[in-house]
């Protein structure tokens, strides 16, 4: 069908941009990627669902991404490459559900514009080369929306089952997919009931099929997580994040709450203890949760308003302005109103979900709001057309010749695209150069792996170098220098990695400038990272 050729061309562009990014601009594996890839390696080695930075079973990260990496690495023989292939491929495929959603809501022209937006959006291109869950989650959740919208028009068993199953896969990538699934189920029920397509019993049965398909996919993980934690749970993220936040709200230093060690050298932070220990010792009651939410509301509101309207890396404020223009540019028919309600509810749930994300991560990382981008791109596609139409009609009103009217329309379209993409591209260039500058970390880790004659027990403030070294990772403890030296002894650490730019621990700067005050510590490797940073690797002889 020749009508599909433009879409296939856009899809090819999406793949090409992401492949080029992955080849030329990736550096060391990401912090989250090191966990996913190490879990995949341990699964293939028969070591269980164990990550890189936490002793014992990993309960924080859901299984879809590690399982997919494990499957692909059977071919690639490299978990990092497998993870990047997964992200590039699934990240490019976001074009298809975006096109489908925009086509059902509006028309083919709008759908193609929206598809081109997400294919070329610098932030989406950049994140689609990382070993993280966002590229997979975005594509799966948007695909679930596609089946949901199809179900509202044609509530066949296949559409209902497919919608639930796709939400189930989305849940296995990020557990917060449960909430949009329930919203979709409610909207499908409302849509079918209002249109009198079936009685209440049959309508409930059909919605039950969707929820049943979700449970079919999700139940094995829910059962496993509940068995591991000793209590019914559908996700393991919020207990750990909330435990960290609660300690900070009680006055603990944020880094001590995460990586603290007491005077005896025992782990006290949330992230340097086994997940199951935190589940058992830091559980919050309903009153505590309510207090927690109230105390975090200001931070969530500030970050959400910034992400919604003024995040340069997303292309806002221009993208936000075009999205608002497009959202209200056309009258809402009953079917369009249902579709809009689904997308707007997803936006609201996204913001609410950030209550259960660490504040330190939320403040420093825009990727927690990345789902805004495809939604904005769909609405902005209408806004862009309205800009072009305004240019054309204004030129006509001023009496310009026909060919100048077309030129005015083209000019406004180009201006709108430029206003969105230029700030996003500038931000992406910084992100890409930053990622590429981390290549010395990967090289240092691979050098350690190649030259070490014994198992590596590595102490560092970040996990990528431990992953590349195939080392057992230990978090650089937040404590005084004397306790840190005791910790090295107690954990039998034989490699310590410090960075010149890292001042997160009380002793970090001193160790980077003067070395580790232990007669057994020897500098065995050093490399510059850009012009202002340096990584230093010390061996502790035993």
Protein backbone atom coordinates (compact mmCIF):
# COMPACT_ATOMS: atom_id res chain seq x y z
CA UNK A 1 0.00 0.00 0.00
CA UNK A 2 1.66 3.22 -1.17
CA UNK A 3 -0.06 5.15 1.61
CA UNK A 4 2.27 3.39 4.06
CA UNK A 5 5.46 4.47 2.29
CA UNK A 6 5.73 7.82 4.15
CA UNK A 7 5.31 6.01 7.47
CA UNK A 8 7.95 3.43 6.55
CA UNK A 9 10.28 6.27 5.51
CA UNK A 10 9.77 7.96 8.88
CA UNK A 11 10.39 4.64 10.65
CA UNK A 12 13.65 4.21 8.71
CA UNK A 13 14.73 7.72 9.78
CA UNK A 14 13.97 6.86 13.39
CA UNK A 15 16.14 3.74 13.22
CA UNK A 16 18.96 5.54 11.42
CA UNK A 17 19.15 8.41 13.93
CA UNK A 18 19.21 6.02 16.88
CA UNK A 19 21.79 3.71 15.34
CA UNK A 20 24.10 6.64 14.56
CA UNK A 21 23.70 7.93 18.12
CA UNK A 22 24.44 4.50 19.58
CA UNK A 23 27.55 4.02 17.44
CA UNK A 24 29.14 7.45 17.83
CA UNK A 25 27.94 8.92 21.13
CA UNK A 26 27.50 6.21 23.75
CA UNK A 27 30.04 5.86 26.52
CA UNK A 28 29.95 3.66 29.61
CA UNK A 29 26.77 1.79 30.44
CA UNK A 30 24.25 3.80 32.47
CA UNK A 31 23.70 3.39 36.21
CA UNK A 32 20.32 1.67 35.74
CA UNK A 33 21.63 -0.19 32.72
CA UNK A 34 24.39 -1.76 34.80
CA UNK A 35 21.69 -3.30 37.01
CA UNK A 36 19.59 -4.59 34.12
CA UNK A 37 22.59 -6.03 32.28
CA UNK A 38 24.10 -7.66 35.39
CA UNK A 39 20.73 -9.23 36.25
CA UNK A 40 20.64 -10.64 32.70
CA UNK A 41 24.17 -12.01 33.08
CA UNK A 42 23.34 -13.62 36.41
CA UNK A 43 20.17 -15.18 35.03
CA UNK A 44 22.12 -16.77 32.19
CA UNK A 45 24.81 -17.94 34.63
CA UNK A 46 22.25 -19.55 36.93
CA UNK A 47 22.90 -17.11 39.78
CA UNK A 48 19.29 -15.98 40.10
CA UNK A 49 17.67 -12.56 39.88
CA UNK A 50 20.66 -10.72 41.34
CA UNK A 51 21.86 -7.25 40.35
CA UNK A 52 25.16 -5.46 40.64
CA UNK A 53 24.84 -3.06 43.55
CA UNK A 54 22.66 -4.82 46.11
CA UNK A 55 23.39 -8.02 47.96
CA UNK A 56 20.80 -10.74 47.51
CA UNK A 57 17.74 -10.90 45.27
CA UNK A 58 16.99 -7.72 43.32
CA UNK A 59 13.43 -6.61 44.17
CA UNK A 60 13.52 -3.07 42.79
CA UNK A 61 13.69 -3.67 39.05
CA UNK A 62 10.89 -5.55 37.20
CA UNK A 63 11.88 -8.40 34.88
CA UNK A 64 10.99 -7.54 31.28
CA UNK A 65 14.12 -5.56 30.39
CA UNK A 66 16.60 -7.99 32.03
CA UNK A 67 14.87 -10.97 30.41
CA UNK A 68 14.92 -9.30 26.99
CA UNK A 69 18.61 -8.42 27.41
CA UNK A 70 19.35 -11.99 28.45
CA UNK A 71 17.60 -13.32 25.35
CA UNK A 72 19.38 -10.96 22.95
CA UNK A 73 22.77 -11.52 24.61
CA UNK A 74 22.53 -15.21 23.72
CA UNK A 75 23.23 -13.94 20.20
CA UNK A 76 25.44 -10.91 20.90
CA UNK A 77 27.41 -12.51 23.77
CA UNK A 78 27.52 -9.03 25.35
CA UNK A 79 24.83 -7.77 27.72
CA UNK A 80 25.56 -4.08 27.15
CA UNK A 81 25.33 -4.40 23.37
CA UNK A 82 22.15 -6.46 23.80
CA UNK A 83 20.63 -3.72 25.95
CA UNK A 84 21.46 -1.00 23.44
CA UNK A 85 20.08 -3.05 20.54
CA UNK A 86 16.87 -3.53 22.51
CA UNK A 87 16.52 0.19 23.25
CA UNK A 88 17.36 1.29 19.70
CA UNK A 89 14.91 -1.13 18.10
CA UNK A 90 11.99 -0.63 20.48
CA UNK A 91 12.74 3.09 20.80
CA UNK A 92 12.44 3.55 17.03
CA UNK A 93 9.19 1.59 16.95
CA UNK A 94 7.53 4.33 19.03
CA UNK A 95 6.74 5.84 15.61
CA UNK A 96 4.06 3.19 14.97
CA UNK A 97 1.80 3.58 18.04
CA UNK A 98 2.18 7.37 17.89
CA UNK A 99 1.01 7.31 14.28
CA UNK A 100 -1.87 4.97 15.13
CA UNK A 101 -3.09 7.07 18.07
CA UNK A 102 -2.94 10.34 16.11
CA UNK A 103 -4.66 8.71 13.12
CA UNK A 104 -7.54 7.50 15.26
CA UNK A 105 -7.86 10.84 17.05
CA UNK A 106 -7.41 13.15 14.07
CA UNK A 107 -6.37 12.31 10.48
CA UNK A 108 -3.54 10.86 8.39
CA UNK A 109 -1.70 14.15 7.88
CA UNK A 110 -1.63 14.80 11.60
CA UNK A 111 -0.53 11.20 12.25
CA UNK A 112 2.44 11.54 9.89
CA UNK A 113 3.51 14.82 11.48
CA UNK A 114 3.29 13.27 14.96
CA UNK A 115 5.27 10.24 13.77
CA UNK A 116 7.99 12.49 12.36
CA UNK A 117 8.12 14.47 15.60
CA UNK A 118 8.81 11.37 17.74
CA UNK A 119 11.14 9.86 15.13
CA UNK A 120 13.43 12.90 15.19
CA UNK A 121 12.90 14.35 18.67
CA UNK A 122 16.44 14.74 20.08
CA UNK A 123 15.55 13.65 23.61
CA UNK A 124 13.77 10.52 22.39
CA UNK A 125 16.67 9.71 20.06
CA UNK A 126 19.17 10.10 22.88
CA UNK A 127 17.28 8.05 25.45
CA UNK A 128 16.66 5.31 22.89
CA UNK A 129 20.36 4.45 22.91
CA UNK A 130 20.60 3.98 26.68
CA UNK A 131 20.21 0.71 28.57
CA UNK A 132 17.18 1.94 30.50
CA UNK A 133 13.50 1.05 30.70
CA UNK A 134 12.01 4.23 29.20
CA UNK A 135 12.29 3.35 25.47
CA UNK A 136 10.62 -0.03 26.02
CA UNK A 137 7.99 1.30 28.41
CA UNK A 138 7.00 4.22 26.17
CA UNK A 139 6.48 2.04 23.11
CA UNK A 140 4.61 -0.69 24.98
CA UNK A 141 2.32 1.72 26.85
CA UNK A 142 1.48 3.67 23.70
CA UNK A 143 0.75 0.37 21.96
CA UNK A 144 -1.59 -0.52 24.83
CA UNK A 145 -3.33 2.83 24.22
CA UNK A 146 -3.69 1.89 20.54
CA UNK A 147 -5.53 -1.31 21.44
CA UNK A 148 -7.59 0.56 24.03
CA UNK A 149 -8.71 3.10 21.43
CA UNK A 150 -9.45 0.28 18.97
CA UNK A 151 -11.52 -1.43 21.67
CA UNK A 152 -13.59 1.69 22.22
CA UNK A 153 -14.55 1.64 18.55
CA UNK A 154 -14.71 -2.14 18.07
CA UNK A 155 -14.90 -4.05 21.39
CA UNK A 156 -13.91 -7.43 19.96
CA UNK A 157 -12.40 -10.11 22.23
CA UNK A 158 -9.12 -9.77 20.31
CA UNK A 159 -8.87 -6.02 20.96
CA UNK A 160 -9.80 -6.43 24.61
CA UNK A 161 -7.30 -9.25 25.15
CA UNK A 162 -4.54 -7.43 23.25
CA UNK A 163 -5.08 -4.25 25.26
CA UNK A 164 -4.80 -6.10 28.56
CA UNK A 165 -1.77 -8.10 27.41
CA UNK A 166 0.07 -4.98 26.27
CA UNK A 167 -0.62 -3.32 29.61
CA UNK A 168 0.75 -6.46 31.22
CA UNK A 169 3.99 -6.21 29.26
CA UNK A 170 4.17 -2.49 30.10
CA UNK A 171 3.80 -3.41 33.77
CA UNK A 172 6.71 -5.85 33.49
CA UNK A 173 8.82 -2.94 32.20
CA UNK A 174 7.58 -0.39 34.75
CA UNK A 175 4.99 -1.31 37.41
CA UNK A 176 3.24 2.07 37.22
CA UNK A 177 1.44 0.77 34.11
CA UNK A 178 -1.17 -0.71 36.48
CA UNK A 179 -2.83 2.69 36.95
CA UNK A 180 -3.32 3.52 33.23
CA UNK A 181 -4.66 0.00 32.71
CA UNK A 182 -7.35 0.55 35.34
CA UNK A 183 -8.19 3.96 33.84
CA UNK A 184 -8.51 2.35 30.40
CA UNK A 185 -10.75 -0.38 31.77
CA UNK A 186 -13.00 2.24 33.34
CA UNK A 187 -13.15 4.31 30.14
CA UNK A 188 -13.92 1.25 28.01
CA UNK A 189 -16.74 0.33 30.38
CA UNK A 190 -18.08 3.90 30.31
CA UNK A 191 -17.82 4.13 26.53
CA UNK A 192 -19.61 0.82 25.95
CA UNK A 193 -22.29 1.54 28.52
CA UNK A 194 -23.02 5.09 27.30
CA UNK A 195 -23.23 3.96 23.68
CA UNK A 196 -25.57 1.13 24.77
CA UNK A 197 -23.55 -1.46 22.91
CA UNK A 198 -24.27 -4.04 25.58
CA UNK A 199 -25.91 -4.45 28.94
CA UNK A 200 -24.06 -3.96 32.20
CA UNK A 201 -23.32 -7.67 32.62
CA UNK A 202 -21.89 -8.17 29.12
CA UNK A 203 -19.98 -4.93 29.34
CA UNK A 204 -18.44 -6.03 32.64
CA UNK A 205 -17.55 -9.40 31.14
CA UNK A 206 -15.76 -7.76 28.23
CA UNK A 207 -13.80 -5.43 30.50
CA UNK A 208 -13.05 -8.47 32.66
CA UNK A 209 -11.43 -10.10 29.62
CA UNK A 210 -9.06 -7.16 29.34
CA UNK A 211 -8.18 -7.26 33.04
CA UNK A 212 -7.82 -11.04 32.83
CA UNK A 213 -5.32 -10.71 29.98
CA UNK A 214 -3.35 -8.22 32.07
CA UNK A 215 -3.34 -10.62 35.03
CA UNK A 216 -2.27 -13.52 32.80
CA UNK A 217 0.89 -11.62 31.90
CA UNK A 218 1.51 -9.93 35.27
CA UNK A 219 0.60 -12.64 37.80
CA UNK A 220 3.84 -14.70 37.62
CA UNK A 221 5.90 -11.65 38.59
CA UNK A 222 3.42 -10.55 41.27
CA UNK A 223 3.49 -14.05 42.77
CA UNK A 224 7.29 -14.20 42.68
CA UNK A 225 7.72 -10.72 44.21
CA UNK A 226 5.18 -11.47 46.94
CA UNK A 227 6.92 -14.75 47.76
CA UNK A 228 10.35 -13.09 47.89
CA UNK A 229 9.18 -10.21 50.09
CA UNK A 230 6.92 -12.28 52.34
CA UNK A 231 3.93 -10.01 51.72
CA UNK A 232 1.61 -9.24 48.83
CA UNK A 233 3.25 -6.73 46.51
CA UNK A 234 2.74 -5.65 42.92
CA UNK A 235 5.98 -3.63 42.77
CA UNK A 236 9.17 -3.14 44.74
CA UNK A 237 10.17 0.39 43.81
CA UNK A 238 8.08 2.59 46.08
CA UNK A 239 9.01 0.89 49.40
CA UNK A 240 12.70 1.56 48.76
CA UNK A 241 12.25 5.07 47.40
CA UNK A 242 9.87 6.01 50.19
CA UNK A 243 12.21 4.57 52.81
CA UNK A 244 14.97 6.83 51.49
CA UNK A 245 12.72 9.88 51.35
CA UNK A 246 11.31 9.26 54.83
CA UNK A 247 14.77 9.16 56.34
CA UNK A 248 15.66 12.42 54.61
CA UNK A 249 12.46 14.04 55.89
CA UNK A 250 13.45 12.95 59.40
CA UNK A 251 16.68 14.91 59.08
CA UNK A 252 19.23 12.39 57.74
CA UNK A 253 21.79 13.56 55.23
CA UNK A 254 20.45 12.41 51.82
CA UNK A 255 23.64 10.53 51.01
CA UNK A 256 23.74 8.89 54.44
CA UNK A 257 20.15 7.78 53.92
CA UNK A 258 21.24 6.12 50.69
CA UNK A 259 24.77 4.88 51.37
CA UNK A 260 25.44 5.46 55.07
CA UNK A 261 27.77 3.32 57.18
CA UNK A 262 27.90 3.51 60.97
CA UNK A 263 31.03 3.85 63.09
CA UNK A 264 31.38 0.07 63.27
CA UNK A 265 31.51 -0.25 59.49
CA UNK A 266 28.01 -1.71 59.15
CA UNK A 267 25.76 -0.73 56.24
CA UNK A 268 22.90 1.57 57.22
CA UNK A 269 21.81 3.11 53.91
CA UNK A 270 18.80 1.99 51.91
CA UNK A 271 20.88 1.13 48.85
CA UNK A 272 23.82 -0.67 50.45
CA UNK A 273 21.61 -3.16 52.27
CA UNK A 274 19.68 -6.07 50.72
CA UNK A 275 16.27 -4.99 49.39
CA UNK A 276 14.50 -7.51 51.60
CA UNK A 277 16.02 -5.93 54.73
CA UNK A 278 14.51 -2.55 53.85
CA UNK A 279 11.16 -4.17 53.04
CA UNK A 280 11.11 -5.70 56.52
CA UNK A 281 12.50 -2.84 58.58
CA UNK A 282 11.35 0.36 56.87
CA UNK A 283 7.71 -0.36 56.04
CA UNK A 284 5.46 2.69 56.34
CA UNK A 285 1.94 2.84 57.76
CA UNK A 286 -0.91 4.68 56.04
CA UNK A 287 -0.45 7.74 58.25
CA UNK A 288 3.26 7.83 57.41
CA UNK A 289 2.49 7.61 53.69
CA UNK A 290 0.03 10.51 53.93
CA UNK A 291 2.60 12.64 55.77
CA UNK A 292 5.22 11.67 53.22
CA UNK A 293 3.02 12.73 50.30
CA UNK A 294 2.12 16.06 51.88
CA UNK A 295 5.72 16.90 52.65
CA UNK A 296 6.82 16.11 49.10
CA UNK A 297 4.02 17.98 47.33
CA UNK A 298 5.97 21.21 46.89
CA UNK A 299 8.90 19.45 45.21
CA UNK A 300 6.59 17.44 42.95
CA UNK A 301 4.61 20.55 41.98
CA UNK A 302 7.75 22.53 41.17
CA UNK A 303 9.35 19.79 39.08
CA UNK A 304 6.07 18.93 37.34
CA UNK A 305 5.44 22.55 36.34
CA UNK A 306 8.98 22.79 34.99
CA UNK A 307 8.65 19.53 33.05
CA UNK A 308 5.20 20.41 31.71
CA UNK A 309 5.96 23.88 30.42
CA UNK A 310 9.63 24.83 30.41
CA UNK A 311 11.92 21.81 29.97
CA UNK A 312 14.34 22.82 27.21
CA UNK A 313 15.45 19.25 26.59
CA UNK A 314 11.84 18.39 25.70
CA UNK A 315 11.52 21.39 23.38
CA UNK A 316 9.40 23.46 25.73
CA UNK A 317 8.11 26.15 26.15
CA UNK A 318 7.44 26.04 22.35
CA UNK A 319 6.40 22.36 22.36
CA UNK A 320 4.10 22.98 25.33
CA UNK A 321 2.54 25.98 23.57
CA UNK A 322 1.94 24.01 20.37
CA UNK A 323 0.49 21.11 22.38
CA UNK A 324 -1.98 23.37 24.21
CA UNK A 325 -2.95 24.99 20.91
CA UNK A 326 -3.53 21.59 19.33
CA UNK A 327 -5.36 20.16 22.32
CA UNK A 328 -8.10 22.78 22.13
CA UNK A 329 -7.94 23.69 18.43
CA UNK A 330 -10.72 21.32 17.41
CA UNK A 331 -14.09 20.60 19.03
CA UNK A 332 -14.16 17.37 21.01
CA UNK A 333 -16.63 14.81 19.71
CA UNK A 334 -17.70 12.10 22.20
CA UNK A 335 -15.09 9.67 20.87
CA UNK A 336 -12.32 12.30 20.79
CA UNK A 337 -13.23 13.36 24.33
CA UNK A 338 -12.72 9.75 25.53
CA UNK A 339 -9.35 9.58 23.78
CA UNK A 340 -8.26 12.90 25.26
CA UNK A 341 -9.37 11.81 28.70
CA UNK A 342 -7.19 8.70 28.40
CA UNK A 343 -4.13 10.75 27.45
CA UNK A 344 -4.75 13.45 30.06
CA UNK A 345 -5.25 10.85 32.79
CA UNK A 346 -1.93 9.26 31.78
CA UNK A 347 -0.30 12.66 32.16
CA UNK A 348 -1.83 13.09 35.61
CA UNK A 349 -0.74 9.60 36.69
CA UNK A 350 2.78 10.35 35.46
CA UNK A 351 2.99 13.35 37.76
CA UNK A 352 1.48 11.47 40.69
CA UNK A 353 4.01 8.67 40.20
CA UNK A 354 6.87 11.06 40.87
CA UNK A 355 5.79 11.21 44.52
CA UNK A 356 7.37 7.78 44.82
CA UNK A 357 10.64 8.68 43.11
CA UNK A 358 13.70 9.81 45.02
CA UNK A 359 13.85 13.59 45.18
CA UNK A 360 17.55 13.63 44.30
CA UNK A 361 16.85 11.67 41.11
CA UNK A 362 13.71 13.66 40.33
CA UNK A 363 15.50 16.99 40.58
CA UNK A 364 18.42 15.93 38.39
CA UNK A 365 16.78 13.79 35.73
CA UNK A 366 14.11 14.77 33.19
CA UNK A 367 13.63 11.21 31.97
CA UNK A 368 10.97 10.60 34.63
CA UNK A 369 8.69 12.89 32.59
CA UNK A 370 9.65 11.57 29.14
CA UNK A 371 6.12 10.22 28.53
CA UNK A 372 5.09 13.86 28.07
CA UNK A 373 6.97 14.02 24.77
CA UNK A 374 4.88 11.65 22.60
CA UNK A 375 1.66 13.09 24.05
CA UNK A 376 2.82 16.62 23.33
CA UNK A 377 3.96 15.61 19.84
CA UNK A 378 0.47 14.30 19.00
CA UNK A 379 -1.23 17.51 20.15
CA UNK A 380 1.54 19.72 18.72
CA UNK A 381 0.95 18.20 15.28
CA UNK A 382 -2.43 19.92 15.24
CA UNK A 383 -0.92 23.09 16.68
CA UNK A 384 1.71 23.16 13.95
CA UNK A 385 -0.95 22.90 11.26
CA UNK A 386 -2.88 25.74 12.89
CA UNK A 387 0.28 27.88 12.80
CA UNK A 388 0.73 27.10 9.11
CA UNK A 389 -2.92 27.90 8.39
CA UNK A 390 -2.63 31.18 10.27
CA UNK A 391 0.38 32.13 8.14
CA UNK A 392 -1.47 31.31 4.94
CA UNK A 393 -4.71 33.13 5.86
CA UNK A 394 -2.79 36.14 7.16
CA UNK A 395 -0.90 36.39 3.87
CA UNK A 396 -4.23 36.12 2.05
CA UNK A 397 -5.79 38.82 4.21
CA UNK A 398 -2.89 41.10 3.37
CA UNK A 399 -3.49 40.58 -0.34
CA UNK A 400 -0.34 38.61 -1.16
CA UNK A 401 -0.16 36.45 -4.29
CA UNK A 402 -1.07 32.76 -4.00
CA UNK A 403 2.53 31.55 -4.14
CA UNK A 404 3.45 33.86 -1.24
CA UNK A 405 0.58 32.46 0.79
CA UNK A 406 2.07 28.97 0.43
CA UNK A 407 5.45 30.42 1.37
CA UNK A 408 3.97 31.99 4.52
CA UNK A 409 2.46 28.63 5.45
CA UNK A 410 5.83 26.90 4.93
CA UNK A 411 7.61 29.61 6.90
CA UNK A 412 5.32 29.21 9.93
CA UNK A 413 5.69 25.40 9.82
CA UNK A 414 9.47 25.72 9.69
CA UNK A 415 9.44 28.26 12.50
CA UNK A 416 7.31 25.99 14.70
CA UNK A 417 9.55 22.96 14.12
CA UNK A 418 12.68 25.03 14.70
CA UNK A 419 11.39 26.51 17.94
CA UNK A 420 10.75 22.99 19.27
CA UNK A 421 13.83 21.21 17.98
CA UNK A 422 16.57 23.81 18.44
CA UNK A 423 16.44 24.00 22.29
CA UNK A 424 15.95 20.24 22.49
CA UNK A 425 18.87 19.67 20.12
CA UNK A 426 21.14 21.97 22.11
CA UNK A 427 20.28 20.09 25.30
CA UNK A 428 20.80 16.76 23.53
CA UNK A 429 24.24 17.81 22.29
CA UNK A 430 25.26 18.39 25.89
CA UNK A 431 23.86 15.00 26.89
CA UNK A 432 25.55 13.22 23.99
CA UNK A 433 28.93 14.81 24.64
CA UNK A 434 28.56 13.95 28.33
CA UNK A 435 27.79 10.32 27.52
CA UNK A 436 30.69 10.09 25.09
CA UNK A 437 33.06 11.62 27.65
CA UNK A 438 32.35 8.65 29.94
CA UNK A 439 34.13 6.24 27.58
CA UNK A 440 37.29 6.31 29.76
CA UNK A 441 35.20 4.73 32.53
CA UNK A 442 34.35 1.81 30.24
CA UNK A 443 37.97 1.52 29.11
CA UNK A 444 39.19 1.54 32.71
CA UNK A 445 36.73 -1.20 33.66
CA UNK A 446 37.68 -3.35 30.69
CA UNK A 447 41.36 -2.85 31.52
CA UNK A 448 40.75 -4.02 35.07
CA UNK A 449 38.88 -7.08 33.84
CA UNK A 450 41.71 -7.97 31.43
CA UNK A 451 44.58 -7.49 33.90
CA UNK A 452 43.15 -8.81 37.17
CA UNK A 453 44.22 -12.26 38.28
CA UNK A 454 41.71 -12.53 41.13
CA UNK A 455 38.01 -11.74 41.65
CA UNK A 456 37.51 -7.98 41.81
CA UNK A 457 35.74 -6.46 44.82
CA UNK A 458 35.36 -2.84 43.73
CA UNK A 459 34.42 0.19 45.82
CA UNK A 460 33.07 3.18 43.87
CA UNK A 461 30.35 5.83 43.93
CA UNK A 462 28.81 4.50 40.70
CA UNK A 463 28.24 1.07 39.17
CA UNK A 464 29.26 1.38 35.46
CA UNK A 465 32.97 0.76 36.04
CA UNK A 466 32.12 -2.29 38.19
CA UNK A 467 29.95 -3.64 35.39
CA UNK A 468 32.63 -3.23 32.75
CA UNK A 469 35.21 -4.80 35.08
CA UNK A 470 32.87 -7.74 35.83
CA UNK A 471 33.45 -6.87 39.48
CA UNK A 472 31.43 -7.28 42.65
CA UNK A 473 30.31 -3.72 43.38
CA UNK A 474 30.27 -1.99 46.75
CA UNK A 475 29.01 1.55 47.24
CA UNK A 476 31.54 4.09 48.43
CA UNK A 477 30.22 4.61 51.98
CA UNK A 478 28.98 7.90 53.32
CA UNK A 479 30.95 8.27 56.56
CA UNK A 480 34.21 9.77 57.81
CA UNK A 481 37.57 8.74 56.40
CA UNK A 482 38.51 6.47 59.32
CA UNK A 483 35.26 4.51 58.97
CA UNK A 484 35.71 4.30 55.18
CA UNK A 485 39.13 2.65 55.69
CA UNK A 486 37.55 0.24 58.17
CA UNK A 487 34.85 -0.52 55.62
CA UNK A 488 37.47 -1.37 52.99
CA UNK A 489 38.95 -3.88 55.41
CA UNK A 490 35.65 -5.41 56.47
CA UNK A 491 34.44 -5.89 52.90
CA UNK A 492 37.80 -7.20 51.64
CA UNK A 493 37.89 -4.52 48.95
CA UNK A 494 40.81 -4.86 46.53
CA UNK A 495 39.99 -2.05 44.08
CA UNK A 496 38.89 1.51 44.92
CA UNK A 497 37.83 3.97 42.20
CA UNK A 498 37.69 7.71 42.83
CA UNK A 499 36.97 10.66 40.54
CA UNK A 500 38.37 14.15 40.70
CA UNK A 501 34.91 15.69 40.26
CA UNK A 502 33.29 13.62 43.01
CA UNK A 503 32.87 15.37 46.33
CA UNK A 504 29.84 13.38 47.49
CA UNK A 505 31.62 11.80 50.48
CA UNK A 506 33.48 13.69 53.24
CA UNK A 507 36.79 12.16 52.16
CA UNK A 508 36.26 12.05 48.36
CA UNK A 509 38.24 15.17 47.49
CA UNK A 510 41.13 14.20 49.74
CA UNK A 511 41.40 10.74 48.21
CA UNK A 512 41.25 12.15 44.68
CA UNK A 513 43.95 14.74 45.37
CA UNK A 514 46.22 12.95 47.85
CA UNK A 515 45.49 9.27 47.41
CA UNK A 516 44.04 6.75 49.85
CA UNK A 517 45.75 6.95 53.28
CA UNK A 518 46.46 3.22 53.43
CA UNK A 519 50.02 1.92 52.92
CA UNK A 520 48.66 -0.97 50.85
CA UNK A 521 46.89 1.36 48.37
CA UNK A 522 48.65 1.77 45.03
CA UNK A 523 47.53 3.85 42.05
CA UNK A 524 47.44 1.43 39.11
CA UNK A 525 45.40 3.34 36.53
CA UNK A 526 44.39 6.91 35.81
CA UNK A 527 42.66 8.57 32.86
CA UNK A 528 41.34 12.03 32.07
CA UNK A 529 37.60 12.45 31.50
CA UNK A 530 37.25 15.54 29.38
CA UNK A 531 39.29 18.53 30.52
CA UNK A 532 38.08 18.85 34.12
CA UNK A 533 37.68 15.35 35.45
CA UNK A 534 39.83 12.30 36.05
CA UNK A 535 39.28 8.71 37.14
CA UNK A 536 41.82 7.03 39.41
CA UNK A 537 41.96 3.32 40.21
CA UNK A 538 43.71 2.15 43.37
CA UNK A 539 44.63 -1.41 44.19
CA UNK A 540 44.56 -2.54 47.83
CA UNK A 541 47.19 -5.25 48.14
CA UNK A 542 46.25 -8.13 50.42
